[in-house]
Amino acid sequence: MFLASKKIIVGAMLCLIVNLVGAQQKENSEKCRYTKTSYGYLMVLREGDNVLALIENLSKEQQIPSANFTGIGFAQEVTFGFYDFNKKKFNPKTFHKVEMGNLTGSIAWNEDKPSLHIHGIATDEKFDAYGGHILGLKVGTGSMEIYITVNQEKLQRKIEQPLNANVLQLPCAN
């Protein structure tokens, strides 16, 4: 009888732990990712978040005409690309567990989709720095803060030749 009671108590404790962990994971996944500010938006992203995808989603949801942004925080993984002008494509290099000392970029549109252009600098535990055009970025342990300043004019990007580059198109000033 005592052994059966002990198994029931242990089983109940395991269920409680599983439910608490599940509730905490659900709470983290449902946390607000952005808030409106007087200048645009403030995003606070958490571990595992795909930074580029979430900025694109915000741009679509809020119909941001164009914007510039800056950010800082921990990265689980960042992929930089160096553009090879002869091959007309980026040569990627990925770094893990780094701190983003700087993240800067712009939001425009390519037809009906947001088009991001992002550069940054990341440092590792040895304080070595790496940087360039960001092709991919996932938040690491901790968080990442991104301050988005919205512009009123909708800007477009378009692929231009001969470089095959996605270039911001400016309206002519009067």
N, C-alpha and C. Protein backbone atom coordinates (compact mmCIF):
# COMPACT_ATOMS: atom_id res chain seq x y z
N MET A 1 0.82 -1.19 0.00
CA MET A 1 0.00 0.00 0.00
C MET A 1 0.87 1.26 0.00
N PHE A 2 1.91 1.29 0.84
CA PHE A 2 2.81 2.43 0.93
C PHE A 2 3.50 2.68 -0.41
N LEU A 3 3.96 1.60 -1.10
CA LEU A 3 4.64 1.73 -2.39
C LEU A 3 3.71 2.29 -3.45
N ALA A 4 2.45 1.85 -3.45
CA ALA A 4 1.46 2.35 -4.41
C ALA A 4 1.20 3.83 -4.18
N SER A 5 1.10 4.26 -2.92
CA SER A 5 0.89 5.67 -2.60
C SER A 5 2.07 6.51 -3.05
N LYS A 6 3.28 6.00 -2.84
CA LYS A 6 4.48 6.70 -3.23
C LYS A 6 4.52 6.89 -4.75
N LYS A 7 4.12 5.85 -5.51
CA LYS A 7 4.09 5.95 -6.98
C LYS A 7 3.07 6.99 -7.43
N ILE A 8 1.94 7.04 -6.75
CA ILE A 8 0.91 8.03 -7.11
C ILE A 8 1.42 9.45 -6.85
N ILE A 9 2.08 9.65 -5.71
CA ILE A 9 2.61 10.97 -5.38
C ILE A 9 3.68 11.38 -6.39
N VAL A 10 4.60 10.47 -6.72
CA VAL A 10 5.65 10.76 -7.70
C VAL A 10 5.02 11.07 -9.05
N GLY A 11 4.03 10.29 -9.46
CA GLY A 11 3.34 10.53 -10.73
C GLY A 11 2.66 11.88 -10.75
N ALA A 12 2.02 12.25 -9.65
CA ALA A 12 1.34 13.54 -9.56
C ALA A 12 2.36 14.68 -9.62
N MET A 13 3.50 14.50 -8.97
CA MET A 13 4.55 15.53 -9.00
C MET A 13 5.10 15.70 -10.42
N LEU A 14 5.30 14.60 -11.13
CA LEU A 14 5.78 14.68 -12.51
C LEU A 14 4.78 15.42 -13.39
N CYS A 15 3.50 15.11 -13.22
CA CYS A 15 2.46 15.80 -14.00
C CYS A 15 2.48 17.30 -13.71
N LEU A 16 2.62 17.66 -12.43
CA LEU A 16 2.67 19.06 -12.05
C LEU A 16 3.87 19.76 -12.69
N ILE A 17 5.03 19.12 -12.67
CA ILE A 17 6.24 19.71 -13.26
C ILE A 17 6.07 19.88 -14.76
N VAL A 18 5.56 18.86 -15.43
CA VAL A 18 5.34 18.94 -16.88
C VAL A 18 4.38 20.07 -17.21
N ASN A 19 3.30 20.20 -16.42
CA ASN A 19 2.33 21.28 -16.67
C ASN A 19 2.93 22.65 -16.42
N LEU A 20 3.76 22.79 -15.37
CA LEU A 20 4.39 24.07 -15.08
C LEU A 20 5.36 24.47 -16.18
N VAL A 21 6.17 23.52 -16.63
CA VAL A 21 7.11 23.79 -17.72
C VAL A 21 6.36 24.16 -18.99
N GLY A 22 5.32 23.41 -19.30
CA GLY A 22 4.51 23.70 -20.49
C GLY A 22 3.86 25.06 -20.41
N ALA A 23 3.34 25.43 -19.23
CA ALA A 23 2.73 26.74 -19.04
C ALA A 23 3.75 27.85 -19.20
N GLN A 24 4.97 27.64 -18.68
CA GLN A 24 6.02 28.65 -18.80
C GLN A 24 6.43 28.82 -20.26
N GLN A 25 6.56 27.71 -21.00
CA GLN A 25 6.91 27.79 -22.42
C GLN A 25 5.81 28.51 -23.20
N LYS A 26 4.54 28.20 -22.87
CA LYS A 26 3.43 28.85 -23.54
C LYS A 26 3.42 30.35 -23.24
N GLU A 27 3.68 30.70 -21.96
CA GLU A 27 3.73 32.10 -21.57
C GLU A 27 4.83 32.83 -22.33
N ASN A 28 6.01 32.23 -22.45
CA ASN A 28 7.10 32.86 -23.19
C ASN A 28 6.77 33.03 -24.66
N SER A 29 6.12 32.02 -25.27
CA SER A 29 5.80 32.11 -26.70
C SER A 29 4.69 33.11 -26.97
N GLU A 30 3.86 33.41 -25.95
CA GLU A 30 2.76 34.35 -26.14
C GLU A 30 3.11 35.77 -25.69
N LYS A 31 4.32 35.99 -25.21
CA LYS A 31 4.70 37.33 -24.77
C LYS A 31 4.65 38.28 -25.94
N CYS A 32 4.29 39.51 -25.63
CA CYS A 32 4.23 40.56 -26.63
C CYS A 32 5.60 40.75 -27.25
N ARG A 33 5.68 40.82 -28.56
CA ARG A 33 6.95 40.99 -29.25
C ARG A 33 7.22 42.45 -29.61
N TYR A 34 6.16 43.28 -29.64
CA TYR A 34 6.38 44.69 -29.98
C TYR A 34 5.30 45.56 -29.36
N THR A 35 5.64 46.86 -29.26
CA THR A 35 4.69 47.85 -28.79
C THR A 35 4.84 49.11 -29.63
N LYS A 36 3.77 49.85 -29.77
CA LYS A 36 3.77 51.10 -30.52
C LYS A 36 4.44 52.17 -29.66
N THR A 37 5.23 53.03 -30.31
CA THR A 37 5.88 54.14 -29.63
C THR A 37 5.56 55.43 -30.39
N SER A 38 6.04 56.55 -29.89
CA SER A 38 5.80 57.83 -30.57
C SER A 38 6.53 57.91 -31.91
N TYR A 39 7.58 57.13 -32.10
CA TYR A 39 8.38 57.17 -33.33
C TYR A 39 8.16 55.96 -34.23
N GLY A 40 7.48 54.96 -33.75
CA GLY A 40 7.27 53.73 -34.52
C GLY A 40 6.97 52.56 -33.63
N TYR A 41 7.97 51.68 -33.43
CA TYR A 41 7.77 50.46 -32.64
C TYR A 41 9.04 50.10 -31.89
N LEU A 42 8.84 49.42 -30.77
CA LEU A 42 9.93 48.80 -30.03
C LEU A 42 9.64 47.31 -30.00
N MET A 43 10.59 46.52 -30.48
CA MET A 43 10.46 45.06 -30.43
C MET A 43 11.41 44.53 -29.36
N VAL A 44 10.92 43.57 -28.58
CA VAL A 44 11.77 42.84 -27.66
C VAL A 44 11.59 41.36 -28.01
N LEU A 45 12.64 40.79 -28.58
CA LEU A 45 12.58 39.40 -29.06
C LEU A 45 13.32 38.51 -28.08
N ARG A 46 12.92 37.24 -28.04
CA ARG A 46 13.47 36.31 -27.06
C ARG A 46 14.11 35.10 -27.74
N GLU A 47 14.76 34.32 -26.91
CA GLU A 47 15.54 33.17 -27.36
C GLU A 47 14.79 32.34 -28.41
N GLY A 48 15.49 32.09 -29.51
CA GLY A 48 14.94 31.27 -30.59
C GLY A 48 14.17 32.05 -31.63
N ASP A 49 13.82 33.31 -31.35
CA ASP A 49 13.05 34.10 -32.32
C ASP A 49 13.87 34.37 -33.57
N ASN A 50 13.22 34.29 -34.72
CA ASN A 50 13.82 34.60 -36.01
C ASN A 50 13.63 36.09 -36.25
N VAL A 51 14.68 36.87 -36.12
CA VAL A 51 14.60 38.32 -36.16
C VAL A 51 14.05 38.83 -37.49
N LEU A 52 14.59 38.35 -38.60
CA LEU A 52 14.16 38.84 -39.90
C LEU A 52 12.68 38.55 -40.15
N ALA A 53 12.25 37.34 -39.82
CA ALA A 53 10.85 36.96 -40.03
C ALA A 53 9.91 37.81 -39.18
N LEU A 54 10.30 38.11 -37.94
CA LEU A 54 9.43 38.90 -37.07
C LEU A 54 9.38 40.36 -37.49
N ILE A 55 10.46 40.92 -38.00
CA ILE A 55 10.43 42.29 -38.53
C ILE A 55 9.54 42.32 -39.78
N GLU A 56 9.67 41.31 -40.64
CA GLU A 56 8.82 41.24 -41.84
C GLU A 56 7.35 41.12 -41.45
N ASN A 57 7.04 40.27 -40.45
CA ASN A 57 5.65 40.11 -40.00
C ASN A 57 5.09 41.41 -39.46
N LEU A 58 5.87 42.11 -38.63
CA LEU A 58 5.43 43.40 -38.10
C LEU A 58 5.16 44.38 -39.24
N SER A 59 6.05 44.41 -40.23
CA SER A 59 5.88 45.31 -41.37
C SER A 59 4.58 45.05 -42.10
N LYS A 60 4.24 43.76 -42.28
CA LYS A 60 2.99 43.40 -42.95
C LYS A 60 1.78 43.72 -42.08
N GLU A 61 1.82 43.28 -40.81
CA GLU A 61 0.68 43.49 -39.90
C GLU A 61 0.35 44.96 -39.74
N GLN A 62 1.37 45.79 -39.57
CA GLN A 62 1.16 47.22 -39.30
C GLN A 62 1.24 48.08 -40.56
N GLN A 63 1.44 47.44 -41.70
CA GLN A 63 1.56 48.16 -42.97
C GLN A 63 2.52 49.34 -42.87
N ILE A 64 3.73 49.05 -42.38
CA ILE A 64 4.77 50.07 -42.24
C ILE A 64 5.21 50.49 -43.64
N PRO A 65 5.06 51.77 -44.00
CA PRO A 65 5.40 52.20 -45.37
C PRO A 65 6.89 52.08 -45.66
N SER A 66 7.71 52.47 -44.70
CA SER A 66 9.16 52.30 -44.75
C SER A 66 9.68 52.68 -43.37
N ALA A 67 10.88 52.25 -43.05
CA ALA A 67 11.42 52.53 -41.72
C ALA A 67 12.92 52.26 -41.71
N ASN A 68 13.55 52.76 -40.66
CA ASN A 68 14.92 52.37 -40.37
C ASN A 68 14.92 51.83 -38.94
N PHE A 69 15.89 51.00 -38.62
CA PHE A 69 15.90 50.41 -37.28
C PHE A 69 17.32 50.15 -36.81
N THR A 70 17.43 50.07 -35.48
CA THR A 70 18.67 49.71 -34.83
C THR A 70 18.35 48.68 -33.76
N GLY A 71 19.37 47.91 -33.37
CA GLY A 71 19.13 46.90 -32.34
C GLY A 71 20.41 46.42 -31.69
N ILE A 72 20.21 45.76 -30.56
CA ILE A 72 21.30 45.14 -29.81
C ILE A 72 20.77 43.89 -29.14
N GLY A 73 21.66 42.97 -28.78
CA GLY A 73 21.24 41.81 -28.02
C GLY A 73 22.06 40.57 -28.33
N PHE A 74 21.63 39.47 -27.73
CA PHE A 74 22.34 38.20 -27.89
C PHE A 74 21.81 37.45 -29.10
N ALA A 75 22.73 36.80 -29.81
CA ALA A 75 22.34 36.00 -30.97
C ALA A 75 22.79 34.56 -30.78
N GLN A 76 21.87 33.66 -30.96
CA GLN A 76 22.18 32.23 -30.98
C GLN A 76 22.96 31.93 -32.24
N GLU A 77 22.56 32.64 -33.32
CA GLU A 77 23.17 32.40 -34.63
C GLU A 77 22.97 33.62 -35.51
N VAL A 78 24.04 34.06 -36.16
CA VAL A 78 23.93 35.13 -37.15
C VAL A 78 24.70 34.68 -38.39
N THR A 79 24.08 34.90 -39.54
CA THR A 79 24.74 34.59 -40.81
C THR A 79 24.97 35.90 -41.55
N PHE A 80 26.25 36.19 -41.77
CA PHE A 80 26.64 37.36 -42.54
C PHE A 80 26.90 36.93 -43.98
N GLY A 81 26.71 37.86 -44.89
CA GLY A 81 27.02 37.58 -46.28
C GLY A 81 27.91 38.66 -46.85
N PHE A 82 28.94 38.25 -47.56
CA PHE A 82 29.79 39.20 -48.28
C PHE A 82 29.49 39.03 -49.76
N TYR A 83 29.10 40.12 -50.42
CA TYR A 83 28.64 40.04 -51.80
C TYR A 83 29.81 39.85 -52.76
N ASP A 84 29.74 38.79 -53.54
CA ASP A 84 30.73 38.51 -54.59
C ASP A 84 30.19 39.13 -55.88
N PHE A 85 30.81 40.22 -56.30
CA PHE A 85 30.33 40.95 -57.47
C PHE A 85 30.49 40.16 -58.76
N ASN A 86 31.47 39.27 -58.82
CA ASN A 86 31.64 38.46 -60.03
C ASN A 86 30.56 37.39 -60.14
N LYS A 87 30.24 36.73 -59.03
CA LYS A 87 29.22 35.68 -59.04
C LYS A 87 27.81 36.22 -58.83
N LYS A 88 27.72 37.50 -58.42
CA LYS A 88 26.44 38.16 -58.17
C LYS A 88 25.61 37.44 -57.12
N LYS A 89 26.29 37.07 -56.02
CA LYS A 89 25.59 36.43 -54.90
C LYS A 89 26.42 36.59 -53.63
N PHE A 90 25.76 36.37 -52.50
CA PHE A 90 26.43 36.48 -51.21
C PHE A 90 27.17 35.20 -50.86
N ASN A 91 28.36 35.36 -50.32
CA ASN A 91 29.09 34.24 -49.71
C ASN A 91 28.77 34.28 -48.22
N PRO A 92 28.03 33.28 -47.70
CA PRO A 92 27.61 33.34 -46.31
C PRO A 92 28.63 32.75 -45.32
N LYS A 93 28.61 33.27 -44.11
CA LYS A 93 29.40 32.71 -43.02
C LYS A 93 28.57 32.87 -41.74
N THR A 94 28.42 31.77 -41.00
CA THR A 94 27.57 31.77 -39.80
C THR A 94 28.41 31.71 -38.54
N PHE A 95 27.99 32.48 -37.54
CA PHE A 95 28.64 32.52 -36.23
C PHE A 95 27.59 32.18 -35.17
N HIS A 96 28.03 31.50 -34.12
CA HIS A 96 27.12 31.06 -33.06
C HIS A 96 27.48 31.71 -31.73
N LYS A 97 26.45 31.90 -30.90
CA LYS A 97 26.62 32.44 -29.54
C LYS A 97 27.47 33.69 -29.54
N VAL A 98 26.92 34.74 -30.13
CA VAL A 98 27.60 36.03 -30.21
C VAL A 98 26.69 37.12 -29.65
N GLU A 99 27.28 38.25 -29.40
CA GLU A 99 26.50 39.41 -28.98
C GLU A 99 26.48 40.40 -30.13
N MET A 100 25.29 40.87 -30.46
CA MET A 100 25.15 41.86 -31.52
C MET A 100 25.45 43.22 -30.91
N GLY A 101 26.64 43.74 -31.21
CA GLY A 101 27.03 45.05 -30.71
C GLY A 101 26.33 46.16 -31.47
N ASN A 102 25.86 45.81 -32.67
CA ASN A 102 25.14 46.77 -33.49
C ASN A 102 24.32 46.01 -34.52
N LEU A 103 23.14 46.49 -34.74
CA LEU A 103 22.24 45.98 -35.77
C LEU A 103 21.57 47.21 -36.35
N THR A 104 21.69 47.40 -37.64
CA THR A 104 21.07 48.56 -38.27
C THR A 104 20.51 48.16 -39.63
N GLY A 105 19.38 48.72 -39.97
CA GLY A 105 18.78 48.32 -41.23
C GLY A 105 17.63 49.21 -41.65
N SER A 106 17.02 48.81 -42.76
CA SER A 106 15.87 49.56 -43.29
C SER A 106 14.81 48.58 -43.78
N ILE A 107 13.58 49.12 -43.78
CA ILE A 107 12.42 48.37 -44.27
C ILE A 107 11.87 49.14 -45.47
N ALA A 108 11.71 48.45 -46.57
CA ALA A 108 11.05 49.00 -47.74
C ALA A 108 10.16 47.86 -48.27
N TRP A 109 9.70 47.98 -49.48
CA TRP A 109 8.82 46.96 -50.06
C TRP A 109 9.36 46.56 -51.43
N ASN A 110 9.16 45.30 -51.77
CA ASN A 110 9.43 44.80 -53.11
C ASN A 110 8.10 44.25 -53.58
N GLU A 111 7.38 45.07 -54.33
CA GLU A 111 6.01 44.80 -54.73
C GLU A 111 5.15 44.70 -53.47
N ASP A 112 4.62 43.52 -53.14
CA ASP A 112 3.71 43.41 -51.99
C ASP A 112 4.35 42.77 -50.76
N LYS A 113 5.68 42.63 -50.76
CA LYS A 113 6.38 42.00 -49.63
C LYS A 113 7.37 42.96 -49.00
N PRO A 114 7.52 42.91 -47.67
CA PRO A 114 8.55 43.72 -47.04
C PRO A 114 9.94 43.29 -47.53
N SER A 115 10.81 44.26 -47.68
CA SER A 115 12.18 44.01 -48.13
C SER A 115 13.12 44.64 -47.11
N LEU A 116 13.87 43.80 -46.41
CA LEU A 116 14.78 44.27 -45.38
C LEU A 116 16.21 44.36 -45.91
N HIS A 117 16.93 45.34 -45.41
CA HIS A 117 18.37 45.46 -45.69
C HIS A 117 19.01 45.69 -44.33
N ILE A 118 19.81 44.71 -43.88
CA ILE A 118 20.34 44.75 -42.52
C ILE A 118 21.85 44.49 -42.51
N HIS A 119 22.54 45.29 -41.72
CA HIS A 119 23.96 45.08 -41.45
C HIS A 119 24.15 45.03 -39.95
N GLY A 120 25.25 44.46 -39.52
CA GLY A 120 25.50 44.39 -38.09
C GLY A 120 26.92 44.01 -37.77
N ILE A 121 27.22 44.12 -36.47
CA ILE A 121 28.51 43.70 -35.94
C ILE A 121 28.25 42.79 -34.76
N ALA A 122 28.92 41.63 -34.76
CA ALA A 122 28.78 40.66 -33.68
C ALA A 122 30.14 40.42 -33.06
N THR A 123 30.15 40.19 -31.75
CA THR A 123 31.40 39.86 -31.07
C THR A 123 31.25 38.53 -30.35
N ASP A 124 32.35 37.79 -30.28
CA ASP A 124 32.33 36.50 -29.58
C ASP A 124 32.94 36.65 -28.19
N GLU A 125 33.09 35.51 -27.50
CA GLU A 125 33.61 35.53 -26.12
C GLU A 125 35.05 36.03 -26.03
N LYS A 126 35.77 36.02 -27.14
CA LYS A 126 37.15 36.53 -27.16
C LYS A 126 37.19 38.01 -27.54
N PHE A 127 36.02 38.59 -27.75
CA PHE A 127 35.86 39.98 -28.17
C PHE A 127 36.32 40.20 -29.61
N ASP A 128 36.42 39.11 -30.39
CA ASP A 128 36.67 39.26 -31.83
C ASP A 128 35.36 39.72 -32.46
N ALA A 129 35.46 40.63 -33.41
CA ALA A 129 34.27 41.19 -34.04
C ALA A 129 34.15 40.72 -35.49
N TYR A 130 32.90 40.51 -35.91
CA TYR A 130 32.57 40.10 -37.27
C TYR A 130 31.40 40.96 -37.72
N GLY A 131 31.34 41.25 -38.99
CA GLY A 131 30.22 42.08 -39.41
C GLY A 131 29.99 42.04 -40.89
N GLY A 132 28.91 42.69 -41.27
CA GLY A 132 28.54 42.80 -42.67
C GLY A 132 27.05 42.71 -42.87
N HIS A 133 26.68 42.32 -44.07
CA HIS A 133 25.28 42.16 -44.45
C HIS A 133 24.70 40.94 -43.73
N ILE A 134 23.56 41.10 -43.08
CA ILE A 134 22.95 39.99 -42.32
C ILE A 134 21.95 39.25 -43.20
N LEU A 135 22.19 37.95 -43.34
CA LEU A 135 21.29 37.08 -44.12
C LEU A 135 20.33 36.31 -43.21
N GLY A 136 20.71 36.09 -41.96
CA GLY A 136 19.87 35.35 -41.01
C GLY A 136 20.29 35.70 -39.59
N LEU A 137 19.31 35.71 -38.67
CA LEU A 137 19.62 36.09 -37.29
C LEU A 137 18.58 35.49 -36.35
N LYS A 138 19.06 34.69 -35.38
CA LYS A 138 18.20 34.11 -34.34
C LYS A 138 18.66 34.59 -32.98
N VAL A 139 17.70 34.97 -32.14
CA VAL A 139 18.00 35.46 -30.80
C VAL A 139 18.52 34.32 -29.94
N GLY A 140 19.54 34.63 -29.14
CA GLY A 140 20.13 33.67 -28.22
C GLY A 140 19.58 33.85 -26.82
N THR A 141 20.30 33.31 -25.84
CA THR A 141 19.91 33.44 -24.45
C THR A 141 19.81 34.92 -24.09
N GLY A 142 18.73 35.29 -23.49
CA GLY A 142 18.51 36.69 -23.16
C GLY A 142 17.46 37.27 -24.10
N SER A 143 17.76 38.41 -24.68
CA SER A 143 16.79 39.06 -25.55
C SER A 143 17.51 39.92 -26.58
N MET A 144 16.71 40.46 -27.50
CA MET A 144 17.21 41.40 -28.48
C MET A 144 16.20 42.54 -28.56
N GLU A 145 16.70 43.78 -28.49
CA GLU A 145 15.85 44.96 -28.57
C GLU A 145 16.06 45.62 -29.92
N ILE A 146 14.94 45.94 -30.58
CA ILE A 146 15.01 46.58 -31.89
C ILE A 146 14.08 47.80 -31.88
N TYR A 147 14.67 48.96 -32.19
CA TYR A 147 13.94 50.22 -32.20
C TYR A 147 13.67 50.60 -33.65
N ILE A 148 12.40 50.66 -34.02
CA ILE A 148 12.00 50.90 -35.42
C ILE A 148 11.41 52.29 -35.55
N THR A 149 12.02 53.12 -36.40
CA THR A 149 11.53 54.47 -36.66
C THR A 149 10.82 54.46 -38.01
N VAL A 150 9.53 54.72 -37.98
CA VAL A 150 8.70 54.63 -39.19
C VAL A 150 8.76 55.94 -39.98
N ASN A 151 8.87 55.79 -41.31
CA ASN A 151 8.81 56.92 -42.24
C ASN A 151 7.42 56.92 -42.89
N GLN A 152 6.94 58.07 -43.28
CA GLN A 152 5.59 58.19 -43.83
C GLN A 152 5.50 57.76 -45.29
N GLU A 153 6.59 57.89 -46.02
CA GLU A 153 6.59 57.57 -47.45
C GLU A 153 6.85 56.08 -47.67
N LYS A 154 6.05 55.47 -48.51
CA LYS A 154 6.29 54.06 -48.84
C LYS A 154 7.42 53.99 -49.86
N LEU A 155 8.46 53.24 -49.50
CA LEU A 155 9.61 53.08 -50.38
C LEU A 155 9.66 51.66 -50.94
N GLN A 156 10.20 51.55 -52.14
CA GLN A 156 10.28 50.27 -52.83
C GLN A 156 11.75 49.92 -53.07
N ARG A 157 11.99 48.61 -53.19
CA ARG A 157 13.29 48.10 -53.66
C ARG A 157 13.03 47.35 -54.96
N LYS A 158 14.07 47.34 -55.79
CA LYS A 158 13.95 46.68 -57.08
C LYS A 158 15.31 46.10 -57.44
N ILE A 159 15.31 44.92 -58.05
CA ILE A 159 16.55 44.30 -58.52
C ILE A 159 17.08 45.13 -59.69
N GLU A 160 18.34 45.56 -59.55
CA GLU A 160 18.98 46.32 -60.62
C GLU A 160 20.15 45.52 -61.18
N GLN A 161 20.31 45.63 -62.47
CA GLN A 161 21.41 44.98 -63.17
C GLN A 161 22.49 46.01 -63.45
N PRO A 162 23.70 45.71 -63.64
CA PRO A 162 24.23 44.37 -63.87
C PRO A 162 24.60 43.61 -62.59
N LEU A 163 24.44 44.23 -61.42
CA LEU A 163 24.89 43.58 -60.18
C LEU A 163 23.90 42.57 -59.61
N ASN A 164 22.65 42.60 -60.07
CA ASN A 164 21.61 41.73 -59.53
C ASN A 164 21.35 42.08 -58.06
N ALA A 165 21.46 43.37 -57.73
CA ALA A 165 21.30 43.83 -56.35
C ALA A 165 19.91 44.44 -56.15
N ASN A 166 19.36 44.23 -54.95
CA ASN A 166 18.05 44.75 -54.56
C ASN A 166 18.26 46.18 -54.02
N VAL A 167 17.99 47.19 -54.86
CA VAL A 167 18.36 48.57 -54.56
C VAL A 167 17.12 49.40 -54.18
N LEU A 168 17.27 50.21 -53.14
CA LEU A 168 16.22 51.12 -52.70
C LEU A 168 15.97 52.16 -53.78
N GLN A 169 14.72 52.35 -54.13
CA GLN A 169 14.33 53.31 -55.15
C GLN A 169 13.83 54.58 -54.48
N LEU A 170 14.42 55.73 -54.82
CA LEU A 170 14.02 56.99 -54.21
C LEU A 170 13.15 57.78 -55.16
N PRO A 171 12.09 58.41 -54.62
CA PRO A 171 11.31 59.33 -55.46
C PRO A 171 12.13 60.60 -55.67
N CYS A 172 11.98 61.24 -56.79
CA CYS A 172 12.72 62.46 -57.06
C CYS A 172 12.19 63.59 -56.17
N ALA A 173 13.11 64.38 -55.62
CA ALA A 173 12.72 65.53 -54.79
C ALA A 173 12.30 66.67 -55.69
N ASN A 174 11.32 67.43 -55.25
CA ASN A 174 10.84 68.58 -56.03
C ASN A 174 11.55 69.83 -55.65
